[in-house]
């Protein structure tokens, strides 16, 4: 399943790099979606801006997917992926509803959902970054990344899809809890820790 998704993203993204008409037809665009092109809510997740964008998303997806597949199986994995892709774009659509020319591409929403599902299932998993080569528990990364995404969304002064990241993370978190409700009882502290930034975001609206 994972390699099918990766292959599809690779093939479609590369075609988008070479064919601007194809890219424009399937990218996320507020006006086009509001005019009826609902398919863009999904197709935009298979397009990317450039090879760096593509590599980063696919690498992150690969790193965090295997543990979920082993724990939950392919059907639940696919449910988390598709729902996070859609909800990442849905949250973006609502946030930028008055900006008809807003466009975006990338699998970031889906990838964020997979990342947060993995954090919920394996909170003690250690992550190491090139710029910070000290192993950190995944839940620390999770909270830090959400806070960064909220900050980026509020500032809205770069080309990063922070809203898609937030929407995907929310989706991945909630669906994983629905699939494994025992997480609420067994790791209450983790659920509270990961959900707290979302509550902060809601109160600040």
Protein backbone atom coordinates (compact mmCIF):
# COMPACT_ATOMS: atom_id res chain seq x y z
CA UNK A 1 0.00 0.00 0.00
CA UNK A 2 2.71 2.49 0.99
CA UNK A 3 4.71 1.92 -2.18
CA UNK A 4 1.59 2.27 -4.34
CA UNK A 5 0.92 5.67 -2.77
CA UNK A 6 4.55 6.74 -3.17
CA UNK A 7 4.61 5.59 -6.81
CA UNK A 8 1.37 7.47 -7.57
CA UNK A 9 2.70 10.67 -6.00
CA UNK A 10 5.99 10.34 -7.89
CA UNK A 11 4.37 9.75 -11.27
CA UNK A 12 1.73 12.48 -10.93
CA UNK A 13 4.14 15.04 -9.42
CA UNK A 14 6.72 14.53 -12.16
CA UNK A 15 4.04 14.90 -14.82
CA UNK A 16 2.99 18.12 -13.10
CA UNK A 17 6.59 19.39 -13.24
CA UNK A 18 6.63 18.85 -17.01
CA UNK A 19 3.07 19.89 -17.90
CA UNK A 20 1.85 23.19 -16.48
CA UNK A 21 -1.68 22.70 -17.87
CA UNK A 22 -1.95 19.39 -16.04
CA UNK A 23 -0.56 21.02 -12.89
CA UNK A 24 -3.04 23.90 -13.02
CA UNK A 25 -6.00 21.60 -13.68
CA UNK A 26 -5.46 19.49 -10.57
CA UNK A 27 -3.90 21.87 -8.03
CA UNK A 28 -5.80 23.22 -5.01
CA UNK A 29 -7.48 26.50 -5.89
CA UNK A 30 -10.17 28.20 -3.82
CA UNK A 31 -12.15 29.68 -6.70
CA UNK A 32 -12.10 26.49 -8.78
CA UNK A 33 -13.19 24.34 -5.83
CA UNK A 34 -16.02 26.71 -4.96
CA UNK A 35 -17.08 26.59 -8.62
CA UNK A 36 -17.45 22.82 -8.49
CA UNK A 37 -13.98 21.27 -8.97
CA UNK A 38 -14.20 19.24 -5.76
CA UNK A 39 -11.74 16.67 -7.10
CA UNK A 40 -8.95 19.16 -6.44
CA UNK A 41 -9.38 18.44 -2.71
CA UNK A 42 -7.71 15.10 -3.44
CA UNK A 43 -5.70 15.54 -6.64
CA UNK A 44 -3.69 18.46 -5.24
CA UNK A 45 -2.20 16.02 -2.73
CA UNK A 46 -0.41 14.21 -5.54
CA UNK A 47 1.26 17.32 -6.95
CA UNK A 48 4.32 19.17 -5.62
CA UNK A 49 6.10 22.45 -6.24
CA UNK A 50 9.52 20.97 -6.96
CA UNK A 51 11.73 17.95 -6.30
CA UNK A 52 12.79 19.18 -2.86
CA UNK A 53 9.15 19.49 -1.79
CA UNK A 54 8.42 16.06 -3.25
CA UNK A 55 11.41 14.39 -1.59
CA UNK A 56 10.72 15.84 1.84
CA UNK A 57 7.10 14.70 1.86
CA UNK A 58 7.88 11.21 0.54
CA UNK A 59 10.80 10.72 2.91
CA UNK A 60 8.68 11.76 5.91
CA UNK A 61 5.83 9.53 4.75
CA UNK A 62 8.17 6.55 4.39
CA UNK A 63 9.74 7.03 7.82
CA UNK A 64 6.45 7.20 9.73
CA UNK A 65 4.28 4.79 7.74
CA UNK A 66 5.77 1.38 8.45
CA UNK A 67 4.96 1.40 12.17
CA UNK A 68 1.32 2.31 11.49
CA UNK A 69 0.96 -0.36 8.83
CA UNK A 70 2.35 -2.97 11.21
CA UNK A 71 0.12 -1.83 14.07
CA UNK A 72 -3.18 -1.05 12.34
CA UNK A 73 -3.01 -2.72 8.93
CA UNK A 74 -3.50 -1.35 5.41
CA UNK A 75 -7.21 -0.49 5.60
CA UNK A 76 -6.90 1.76 8.66
CA UNK A 77 -3.66 3.23 7.32
CA UNK A 78 -5.39 4.17 4.07
CA UNK A 79 -8.35 5.63 5.99
CA UNK A 80 -6.01 7.88 8.00
CA UNK A 81 -4.11 8.93 4.88
CA UNK A 82 -7.16 9.81 2.76
CA UNK A 83 -9.06 11.52 5.58
CA UNK A 84 -6.02 13.59 6.55
CA UNK A 85 -5.44 14.61 2.94
CA UNK A 86 -9.04 15.75 2.61
CA UNK A 87 -9.33 17.45 5.99
CA UNK A 88 -6.01 19.25 5.51
CA UNK A 89 -7.41 20.79 2.34
CA UNK A 90 -10.83 21.34 3.89
CA UNK A 91 -9.31 23.32 6.75
CA UNK A 92 -7.32 25.34 4.19
CA UNK A 93 -10.48 25.95 2.16
CA UNK A 94 -12.30 27.31 5.20
CA UNK A 95 -9.38 29.40 6.41
CA UNK A 96 -8.79 31.08 3.03
CA UNK A 97 -12.43 31.09 1.89
CA UNK A 98 -12.30 34.79 1.00
CA UNK A 99 -9.08 34.49 -1.05
CA UNK A 100 -10.27 33.19 -4.41
CA UNK A 101 -6.81 33.03 -5.92
CA UNK A 102 -5.22 31.01 -3.10
CA UNK A 103 -3.54 27.88 -4.50
CA UNK A 104 -1.59 25.01 -2.98
CA UNK A 105 -0.19 21.57 -3.75
CA UNK A 106 1.43 18.78 -1.78
CA UNK A 107 0.77 15.71 0.33
CA UNK A 108 1.53 17.63 3.53
CA UNK A 109 -1.93 17.23 5.06
CA UNK A 110 -1.92 13.47 4.55
CA UNK A 111 1.68 13.17 5.75
CA UNK A 112 0.90 15.20 8.89
CA UNK A 113 -1.97 12.86 9.65
CA UNK A 114 0.34 9.85 9.35
CA UNK A 115 2.99 11.53 11.51
CA UNK A 116 0.53 12.27 14.33
CA UNK A 117 -1.00 8.83 14.15
CA UNK A 118 2.49 7.38 14.58
CA UNK A 119 3.18 9.68 17.53
CA UNK A 120 0.00 8.55 19.27
CA UNK A 121 0.79 4.89 18.71
CA UNK A 122 4.52 5.14 19.50
CA UNK A 123 5.13 8.23 21.68
CA UNK A 124 8.53 7.05 22.91
CA UNK A 125 9.87 6.67 19.38
CA UNK A 126 13.05 8.73 19.10
CA UNK A 127 13.59 11.24 16.30
CA UNK A 128 16.92 12.75 15.27
CA UNK A 129 17.28 15.84 13.06
CA UNK A 130 20.32 17.05 11.15
CA UNK A 131 20.05 20.52 12.69
CA UNK A 132 19.48 19.06 16.18
CA UNK A 133 21.33 15.71 16.41
CA UNK A 134 20.00 14.78 19.87
CA UNK A 135 17.29 12.07 19.95
CA UNK A 136 13.93 13.47 21.04
CA UNK A 137 10.73 11.57 21.91
CA UNK A 138 8.26 11.87 19.05
CA UNK A 139 5.63 13.61 21.21
CA UNK A 140 7.98 16.55 21.86
CA UNK A 141 8.45 16.94 18.12
CA UNK A 142 4.66 16.70 17.67
CA UNK A 143 3.83 19.50 20.08
CA UNK A 144 6.62 21.70 18.76
CA UNK A 145 5.54 21.21 15.17
CA UNK A 146 1.90 22.05 15.89
CA UNK A 147 2.92 25.23 17.74
CA UNK A 148 5.15 26.19 14.81
CA UNK A 149 2.30 25.53 12.36
CA UNK A 150 -0.12 27.66 14.39
CA UNK A 151 2.45 30.47 14.51
CA UNK A 152 3.06 30.18 10.76
CA UNK A 153 -0.66 30.20 10.00
CA UNK A 154 -1.20 33.32 12.12
CA UNK A 155 1.74 35.16 10.52
CA UNK A 156 0.87 33.96 7.02
CA UNK A 157 4.09 35.35 5.55
CA UNK A 158 5.59 32.32 3.80
CA UNK A 159 4.70 29.73 1.17
CA UNK A 160 4.27 26.81 3.58
CA UNK A 161 0.83 25.17 3.85
CA UNK A 162 0.50 25.48 7.62
CA UNK A 163 -3.28 25.10 7.49
CA UNK A 164 -2.97 21.79 5.63
CA UNK A 165 -0.49 20.59 8.25
CA UNK A 166 -2.88 21.51 11.05
CA UNK A 167 -5.94 20.00 9.39
CA UNK A 168 -4.08 16.79 8.61
CA UNK A 169 -2.67 16.53 12.13
CA UNK A 170 -6.11 17.01 13.68
CA UNK A 171 -7.56 14.35 11.39
CA UNK A 172 -4.76 11.86 12.02
CA UNK A 173 -5.05 12.35 15.77
CA UNK A 174 -8.83 11.94 15.97
CA UNK A 175 -9.07 8.99 13.59
CA UNK A 176 -6.30 7.12 15.39
CA UNK A 177 -8.14 7.61 18.68
CA UNK A 178 -11.34 6.31 17.07
CA UNK A 179 -9.49 3.24 15.83
CA UNK A 180 -7.64 2.69 19.12
CA UNK A 181 -9.84 4.28 21.84
CA UNK A 182 -7.75 2.58 24.53
CA UNK A 183 -5.17 5.32 23.90
CA UNK A 184 -7.39 7.74 25.83
CA UNK A 185 -7.21 5.57 28.93
CA UNK A 186 -3.71 4.17 28.62
CA UNK A 187 -2.00 7.40 27.53
CA UNK A 188 -4.26 10.19 28.73
CA UNK A 189 -1.29 12.49 29.25
CA UNK A 190 -0.28 12.12 25.61
CA UNK A 191 -3.76 12.84 24.27
CA UNK A 192 -4.04 15.96 26.42
CA UNK A 193 -0.55 17.08 25.38
CA UNK A 194 -1.22 16.72 21.66
CA UNK A 195 -4.73 18.19 21.73
CA UNK A 196 -3.86 21.22 23.91
CA UNK A 197 -2.34 23.26 21.03
CA UNK A 198 -5.50 22.69 18.96
CA UNK A 199 -7.63 24.00 21.84
CA UNK A 200 -5.37 27.04 22.04
CA UNK A 201 -5.90 27.62 18.33
CA UNK A 202 -9.68 27.36 18.71
CA UNK A 203 -9.77 29.82 21.61
CA UNK A 204 -7.64 32.32 19.71
CA UNK A 205 -10.07 32.48 16.76
